[in-house]
């Protein structure tokens, strides 16, 4: 055969139809073997190197995305290579235009980037994700379910902000959550996350006080609530501000001054401090600091617990607590000098 004839035959191909361009054919997922010659002490050895293909785990995924969404994170697939090789991820196939979905090296799929989702036109989309380590590959199937935007319940506001006095009794209504439901199937409310430990949220969206409140311990609560119509969810933030209402006990004097004789021993009455509770609570007294031997009784009476030193001045701090607030007052006790001889 002449050179020209051979070239024409090569150009036309065995069938006479010529070369065809098309998608790169899929390679079969199988271990890859590669021969290597090694020389050791004048001996020739043939060693066998095995390439293990990448593996998706799992190899099927289902994600939900709301219609009319564009450029959103769809979900993430997981792939690993037993040999530790780099795995190149691509959206290999699908029922949407090429480039409508993209995948990064972490397996995160985003989209759509070209054509937005339309629930009325198509409720599901399927993608084939391919992971290739340069020798072998594996594939995963991703199903994207499109949710109808009109079917999603919506809170009427976000956030919901309520104020409640710290004296509110358990069971007091703080406020009510509201949402709209296009399906009119009925809504159910619940706490999703955050600090709602001192409150209850009913399935009807009514928020009530669960435990006694204390402004000094916690003045604000923030948590997230869900509303569910049986098919879809919406969420919103709830902020509850606790309003300070309690006042501290009031002493009948800004400070107290008592005297004691030079020979005052233990168990001697020195004087009384008195405080009243604006909340009508029961007041208890304690000596928070003292430089002398004193004690205070439940009624505010101060007594010695040991003999006092003549000519000494003692300073005490007394705290009154009514169960809601505390207040303190200073008490000065002067001991007289003994007779001079």
Protein backbone atom coordinates (compact mmCIF):
# COMPACT_ATOMS: atom_id res chain seq x y z
CA UNK A 1 0.00 0.00 0.00
CA UNK A 2 1.32 3.41 -0.91
CA UNK A 3 1.88 6.01 1.80
CA UNK A 4 -0.94 8.21 0.47
CA UNK A 5 -3.40 5.34 0.45
CA UNK A 6 -2.45 4.39 3.99
CA UNK A 7 -3.00 7.96 5.25
CA UNK A 8 -6.41 8.14 3.55
CA UNK A 9 -7.44 4.86 5.14
CA UNK A 10 -6.31 6.08 8.56
CA UNK A 11 -8.28 9.33 8.11
CA UNK A 12 -11.50 7.57 7.07
CA UNK A 13 -11.37 4.85 9.76
CA UNK A 14 -12.25 1.21 9.35
CA UNK A 15 -15.96 2.00 8.95
CA UNK A 16 -15.38 4.82 6.60
CA UNK A 17 -17.26 7.29 8.79
CA UNK A 18 -14.22 9.14 10.24
CA UNK A 19 -13.50 10.18 13.96
CA UNK A 20 -16.45 11.27 16.21
CA UNK A 21 -16.27 13.70 19.09
CA UNK A 22 -18.25 12.84 22.16
CA UNK A 23 -18.22 12.59 25.91
CA UNK A 24 -15.21 10.94 27.44
CA UNK A 25 -16.15 7.28 27.84
CA UNK A 26 -16.59 6.11 31.42
CA UNK A 27 -13.84 3.87 32.67
CA UNK A 28 -14.80 0.84 34.61
CA UNK A 29 -14.26 1.08 38.32
CA UNK A 30 -11.54 -1.49 38.93
CA UNK A 31 -8.15 -1.68 40.57
CA UNK A 32 -5.33 -0.47 38.34
CA UNK A 33 -2.12 -2.46 38.10
CA UNK A 34 1.17 -1.04 36.97
CA UNK A 35 4.38 -2.97 36.42
CA UNK A 36 7.74 -1.79 37.78
CA UNK A 37 11.21 -3.27 37.28
CA UNK A 38 13.62 -3.20 40.22
CA UNK A 39 17.24 -4.42 40.25
CA UNK A 40 18.58 -5.75 43.52
CA UNK A 41 21.90 -7.60 43.80
CA UNK A 42 21.91 -8.30 40.04
CA UNK A 43 18.46 -9.86 40.28
CA UNK A 44 15.50 -8.47 38.33
CA UNK A 45 12.20 -8.36 40.24
CA UNK A 46 8.73 -7.50 38.93
CA UNK A 47 6.74 -5.71 41.65
CA UNK A 48 3.04 -5.03 41.40
CA UNK A 49 1.55 -1.66 42.43
CA UNK A 50 -2.22 -1.60 43.09
CA UNK A 51 -4.28 1.60 42.80
CA UNK A 52 -7.52 1.58 44.79
CA UNK A 53 -10.33 3.73 43.39
CA UNK A 54 -11.93 6.58 45.35
CA UNK A 55 -15.06 5.70 47.34
CA UNK A 56 -18.17 7.80 48.00
CA UNK A 57 -19.75 7.02 51.36
CA UNK A 58 -22.65 6.95 50.95
CA UNK A 59 -23.06 6.82 47.20
CA UNK A 60 -26.60 8.26 47.16
CA UNK A 61 -27.73 11.61 48.60
CA UNK A 62 -31.02 13.48 48.85
CA UNK A 63 -31.17 17.23 49.51
CA UNK A 64 -34.06 19.70 49.72
CA UNK A 65 -33.98 23.20 48.24
CA UNK A 66 -36.73 25.79 48.05
CA UNK A 67 -37.85 26.88 44.60
CA UNK A 68 -36.66 30.24 43.21
CA UNK A 69 -33.37 29.72 45.03
CA UNK A 70 -30.17 30.58 43.14
CA UNK A 71 -26.53 30.04 44.05
CA UNK A 72 -27.35 28.31 47.33
CA UNK A 73 -25.49 25.53 49.11
CA UNK A 74 -27.33 22.36 48.12
CA UNK A 75 -25.44 19.88 50.29
CA UNK A 76 -22.15 18.07 50.69
CA UNK A 77 -21.03 14.64 49.49
CA UNK A 78 -18.26 12.63 51.11
CA UNK A 79 -15.50 10.88 49.16
CA UNK A 80 -12.21 9.36 50.24
CA UNK A 81 -9.29 7.67 48.50
CA UNK A 82 -7.78 4.60 50.19
CA UNK A 83 -4.36 5.51 48.78
CA UNK A 84 -4.56 9.09 49.99
CA UNK A 85 -4.54 10.43 46.44
CA UNK A 86 -6.13 13.75 45.54
CA UNK A 87 -9.68 13.23 44.26
CA UNK A 88 -10.96 15.60 41.60
CA UNK A 89 -14.71 16.14 41.93
CA UNK A 90 -16.96 17.15 39.05
CA UNK A 91 -20.66 17.25 38.26
CA UNK A 92 -20.39 14.59 35.58
CA UNK A 93 -23.99 14.34 34.48
CA UNK A 94 -27.46 15.58 35.32
CA UNK A 95 -30.83 16.64 34.02
CA UNK A 96 -30.04 20.38 34.11
CA UNK A 97 -27.78 22.52 31.90
CA UNK A 98 -24.03 22.01 32.29
CA UNK A 99 -22.69 24.48 34.83
CA UNK A 100 -26.01 24.91 36.61
CA UNK A 101 -24.48 23.08 39.58
CA UNK A 102 -20.89 23.28 40.80
CA UNK A 103 -18.93 21.23 43.33
CA UNK A 104 -15.78 22.26 45.20
CA UNK A 105 -12.89 20.18 46.53
CA UNK A 106 -14.72 19.71 49.86
CA UNK A 107 -17.68 18.07 48.12
CA UNK A 108 -20.02 21.03 48.62
CA UNK A 109 -22.56 21.41 45.82
CA UNK A 110 -23.94 24.86 45.00
CA UNK A 111 -26.54 26.02 42.55
CA UNK A 112 -28.42 26.68 40.51
CA UNK A 113 -26.16 29.16 38.75
CA UNK A 114 -27.94 29.37 35.39
CA UNK A 115 -31.57 28.26 35.63
CA UNK A 116 -33.49 28.79 38.91
CA UNK A 117 -35.55 26.03 40.47
CA UNK A 118 -39.24 25.96 39.58
CA UNK A 119 -41.38 23.56 41.59
CA UNK A 120 -44.25 23.73 39.13
CA UNK A 121 -41.94 22.78 36.25
CA UNK A 122 -39.92 20.04 37.97
CA UNK A 123 -40.00 18.72 41.53
CA UNK A 124 -36.72 16.74 41.51
CA UNK A 125 -33.34 16.95 39.82
CA UNK A 126 -30.69 14.24 39.60
CA UNK A 127 -26.93 14.77 39.44
CA UNK A 128 -24.10 12.31 38.93
CA UNK A 129 -21.01 13.33 40.89
CA UNK A 130 -17.73 11.76 39.80
CA UNK A 131 -14.58 11.53 41.91
CA UNK A 132 -11.40 10.77 39.95
CA UNK A 133 -7.93 10.17 41.43
CA UNK A 134 -6.27 10.24 38.00
CA UNK A 135 -6.36 6.48 37.56
CA UNK A 136 -9.74 5.26 38.80
CA UNK A 137 -13.03 6.89 39.69
CA UNK A 138 -16.25 6.40 41.62
CA UNK A 139 -19.66 7.98 41.21
CA UNK A 140 -22.44 9.15 43.53
CA UNK A 141 -26.04 9.99 42.74
CA UNK A 142 -27.55 13.18 44.16
CA UNK A 143 -31.31 13.76 44.17
CA UNK A 144 -32.42 17.35 44.72
CA UNK A 145 -36.01 17.76 45.88
CA UNK A 146 -37.57 21.15 45.15
CA UNK A 147 -40.01 22.49 47.73
CA UNK A 148 -42.87 24.76 46.77
CA UNK A 149 -42.21 28.18 48.23
CA UNK A 150 -45.92 28.88 48.54
CA UNK A 151 -46.32 25.89 50.90
CA UNK A 152 -43.84 27.12 53.52
CA UNK A 153 -45.33 28.70 56.67
CA UNK A 154 -43.96 32.11 57.60
CA UNK A 155 -43.71 33.89 60.93
CA UNK A 156 -45.37 37.28 60.86
CA UNK A 157 -42.23 38.88 62.30
CA UNK A 158 -38.65 38.08 63.20
CA UNK A 159 -37.61 38.62 65.89
CA UNK A 160 -40.48 38.53 68.40
CA UNK A 161 -39.68 40.77 71.39
CA UNK A 162 -41.59 40.63 74.69
CA UNK A 163 -41.21 42.31 78.10
CA UNK A 164 -42.20 40.64 81.35
CA UNK A 165 -41.88 41.85 84.95
CA UNK A 166 -39.69 39.78 87.24
CA UNK A 167 -42.60 39.41 89.68
CA UNK A 168 -44.74 37.58 87.10
CA UNK A 169 -46.19 34.38 88.54
CA UNK A 170 -45.59 30.97 87.00
CA UNK A 171 -48.12 30.47 84.21
CA UNK A 172 -48.31 34.15 83.27
CA UNK A 173 -48.65 34.69 79.51
CA UNK A 174 -45.62 36.48 78.09
CA UNK A 175 -46.84 36.70 74.48
CA UNK A 176 -48.08 34.75 71.48
CA UNK A 177 -46.25 33.70 68.32
CA UNK A 178 -48.06 34.09 65.00
CA UNK A 179 -47.41 32.74 61.51
CA UNK A 180 -49.24 32.34 58.21
CA UNK A 181 -49.90 28.97 56.55
CA UNK A 182 -50.68 28.83 52.82
CA UNK A 183 -51.88 25.24 53.19
CA UNK A 184 -54.24 25.99 56.10
CA UNK A 185 -53.42 22.59 57.55
CA UNK A 186 -52.72 23.87 61.05
CA UNK A 187 -49.47 25.07 62.60
CA UNK A 188 -47.42 23.64 65.45
CA UNK A 189 -44.91 25.76 67.38
CA UNK A 190 -41.90 24.54 69.35
CA UNK A 191 -38.57 25.69 70.77
CA UNK A 192 -35.69 24.85 68.44
CA UNK A 193 -32.63 26.12 70.29
CA UNK A 194 -31.41 28.71 72.77
CA UNK A 195 -32.16 29.56 76.39
CA UNK A 196 -35.86 29.08 77.05
CA UNK A 197 -35.39 27.24 80.34
CA UNK A 198 -37.70 29.53 82.33
CA UNK A 199 -40.48 29.58 79.73
CA UNK A 200 -42.91 27.19 78.04
CA UNK A 201 -43.98 27.46 74.39
CA UNK A 202 -47.25 25.67 73.65
CA UNK A 203 -48.03 24.01 70.33
CA UNK A 204 -50.36 26.97 69.73
CA UNK A 205 -47.50 29.45 70.08
CA UNK A 206 -48.39 30.82 73.53
CA UNK A 207 -45.33 31.63 75.68
CA UNK A 208 -45.80 31.41 79.47
CA UNK A 209 -43.57 31.76 82.52
CA UNK A 210 -42.29 28.35 83.63
CA UNK A 211 -40.06 29.29 86.60
CA UNK A 212 -39.81 32.35 88.88
CA UNK A 213 -37.84 35.17 87.26
CA UNK A 214 -35.13 37.32 88.81
CA UNK A 215 -33.81 40.39 87.04
CA UNK A 216 -30.49 40.26 88.88
CA UNK A 217 -29.88 36.65 87.85
CA UNK A 218 -30.93 37.04 84.20
CA UNK A 219 -32.38 40.10 82.52
CA UNK A 220 -32.80 38.74 78.97
CA UNK A 221 -33.58 35.42 77.28
CA UNK A 222 -32.98 34.65 73.58
CA UNK A 223 -34.08 31.47 71.79
CA UNK A 224 -35.21 30.19 68.39
CA UNK A 225 -38.67 28.77 67.67
CA UNK A 226 -39.99 26.66 64.79
CA UNK A 227 -43.40 26.62 63.14
CA UNK A 228 -44.40 23.45 61.28
CA UNK A 229 -47.36 22.91 58.93
CA UNK A 230 -46.66 19.20 58.54
CA UNK A 231 -44.60 19.63 55.39
CA UNK A 232 -42.31 22.58 55.91
CA UNK A 233 -40.76 24.66 58.67
CA UNK A 234 -39.96 28.27 59.35
CA UNK A 235 -38.05 29.68 62.30
CA UNK A 236 -37.76 32.97 64.15
CA UNK A 237 -35.90 34.45 67.10
CA UNK A 238 -37.64 35.27 70.40
CA UNK A 239 -36.21 37.88 72.78
CA UNK A 240 -37.73 38.21 76.27
CA UNK A 241 -36.64 41.15 78.43
CA UNK A 242 -37.14 40.79 82.19
CA UNK A 243 -38.14 44.09 83.79
CA UNK A 244 -36.77 44.91 87.24
CA UNK A 245 -39.59 45.39 89.75
CA UNK A 246 -38.24 44.36 93.17
CA UNK A 247 -36.74 46.93 95.54
CA UNK A 248 -34.15 46.13 98.22
CA UNK A 249 -35.10 46.06 101.92
CA UNK A 250 -35.03 49.48 103.56
CA UNK A 251 -33.29 50.02 106.92
CA UNK A 252 -34.88 52.57 109.23
CA UNK A 253 -31.51 54.32 109.51
CA UNK A 254 -28.64 54.98 107.12
CA UNK A 255 -26.21 53.76 109.82
CA UNK A 256 -26.35 52.59 113.43
CA UNK A 257 -24.37 53.64 116.49
CA UNK A 258 -24.34 51.77 119.81
CA UNK A 259 -22.29 51.93 122.99
CA UNK A 260 -21.26 49.28 125.49
CA UNK A 261 -19.78 49.43 129.00
CA UNK A 262 -16.15 48.56 129.62
CA UNK A 263 -17.04 45.33 131.40
CA UNK A 264 -19.39 43.95 128.71
CA UNK A 265 -19.08 40.17 128.58
CA UNK A 266 -20.44 37.45 126.27
CA UNK A 267 -24.17 37.17 125.53
CA UNK A 268 -24.93 40.83 126.18
CA UNK A 269 -27.51 42.68 124.10
CA UNK A 270 -25.99 45.66 122.21
CA UNK A 271 -28.77 47.03 119.98
CA UNK A 272 -31.21 46.32 117.14
CA UNK A 273 -31.22 47.06 113.41
CA UNK A 274 -34.53 47.05 111.55
CA UNK A 275 -35.38 46.77 107.84
CA UNK A 276 -38.66 46.42 105.94
CA UNK A 277 -39.37 44.61 102.65
CA UNK A 278 -41.17 46.51 99.84
CA UNK A 279 -42.27 43.10 98.58
CA UNK A 280 -43.53 42.10 102.06
CA UNK A 281 -40.97 39.33 102.14
CA UNK A 282 -39.55 37.77 105.28
CA UNK A 283 -36.27 39.47 106.17
CA UNK A 284 -33.25 37.64 107.51
CA UNK A 285 -30.15 39.38 108.88
CA UNK A 286 -26.49 38.36 108.71
CA UNK A 287 -23.25 40.06 109.72
CA UNK A 288 -21.19 40.06 106.53
CA UNK A 289 -18.08 41.59 108.10
CA UNK A 290 -17.00 42.39 111.64
CA UNK A 291 -13.85 43.10 113.61
CA UNK A 292 -15.38 42.01 116.92
CA UNK A 293 -17.20 39.17 118.70
CA UNK A 294 -20.82 39.76 117.67
CA UNK A 295 -23.82 37.87 116.34
CA UNK A 296 -27.22 38.98 115.04
CA UNK A 297 -30.55 37.28 115.70
CA UNK A 298 -33.45 36.78 113.26
CA UNK A 299 -35.18 39.90 114.59
CA UNK A 300 -32.11 42.14 114.09
CA UNK A 301 -30.88 42.08 117.71
CA UNK A 302 -27.09 42.23 118.05
CA UNK A 303 -25.38 40.33 120.91
CA UNK A 304 -21.80 39.80 121.99
CA UNK A 305 -20.23 36.36 121.73
CA UNK A 306 -17.22 37.22 123.93
CA UNK A 307 -16.06 39.95 126.30
CA UNK A 308 -15.39 43.33 124.70
CA UNK A 309 -12.14 45.24 125.05
CA UNK A 310 -12.51 48.56 126.91
CA UNK A 311 -11.99 51.66 124.78
CA UNK A 312 -12.36 49.67 121.57
CA UNK A 313 -14.46 50.76 118.54
CA UNK A 314 -15.99 47.96 116.50
CA UNK A 315 -17.40 48.27 112.96
CA UNK A 316 -19.91 45.73 111.61
CA UNK A 317 -21.72 45.38 108.28
CA UNK A 318 -25.22 43.92 108.51
CA UNK A 319 -27.04 42.56 105.44
CA UNK A 320 -30.85 42.29 105.22
CA UNK A 321 -32.31 39.79 102.71
CA UNK A 322 -36.04 39.51 101.92
CA UNK A 323 -35.67 36.72 99.33
CA UNK A 324 -35.86 39.18 96.44
CA UNK A 325 -33.15 41.74 97.06
CA UNK A 326 -30.51 42.53 99.69
CA UNK A 327 -29.31 45.70 101.36
CA UNK A 328 -26.55 46.46 103.86
CA UNK A 329 -25.86 48.96 106.62
CA UNK A 330 -22.84 49.84 108.80
CA UNK A 331 -22.99 49.49 112.59
CA UNK A 332 -20.51 51.18 114.94
CA UNK A 333 -20.12 49.99 118.55
CA UNK A 334 -18.00 52.02 120.98
CA UNK A 335 -16.86 50.39 124.24
CA UNK A 336 -16.31 52.70 127.22
CA UNK A 337 -12.96 52.98 129.01
CA UNK A 338 -12.62 51.44 132.45
CA UNK A 339 -12.02 53.56 135.60
CA UNK A 340 -8.51 54.95 136.11
CA UNK A 341 -6.73 54.17 139.43
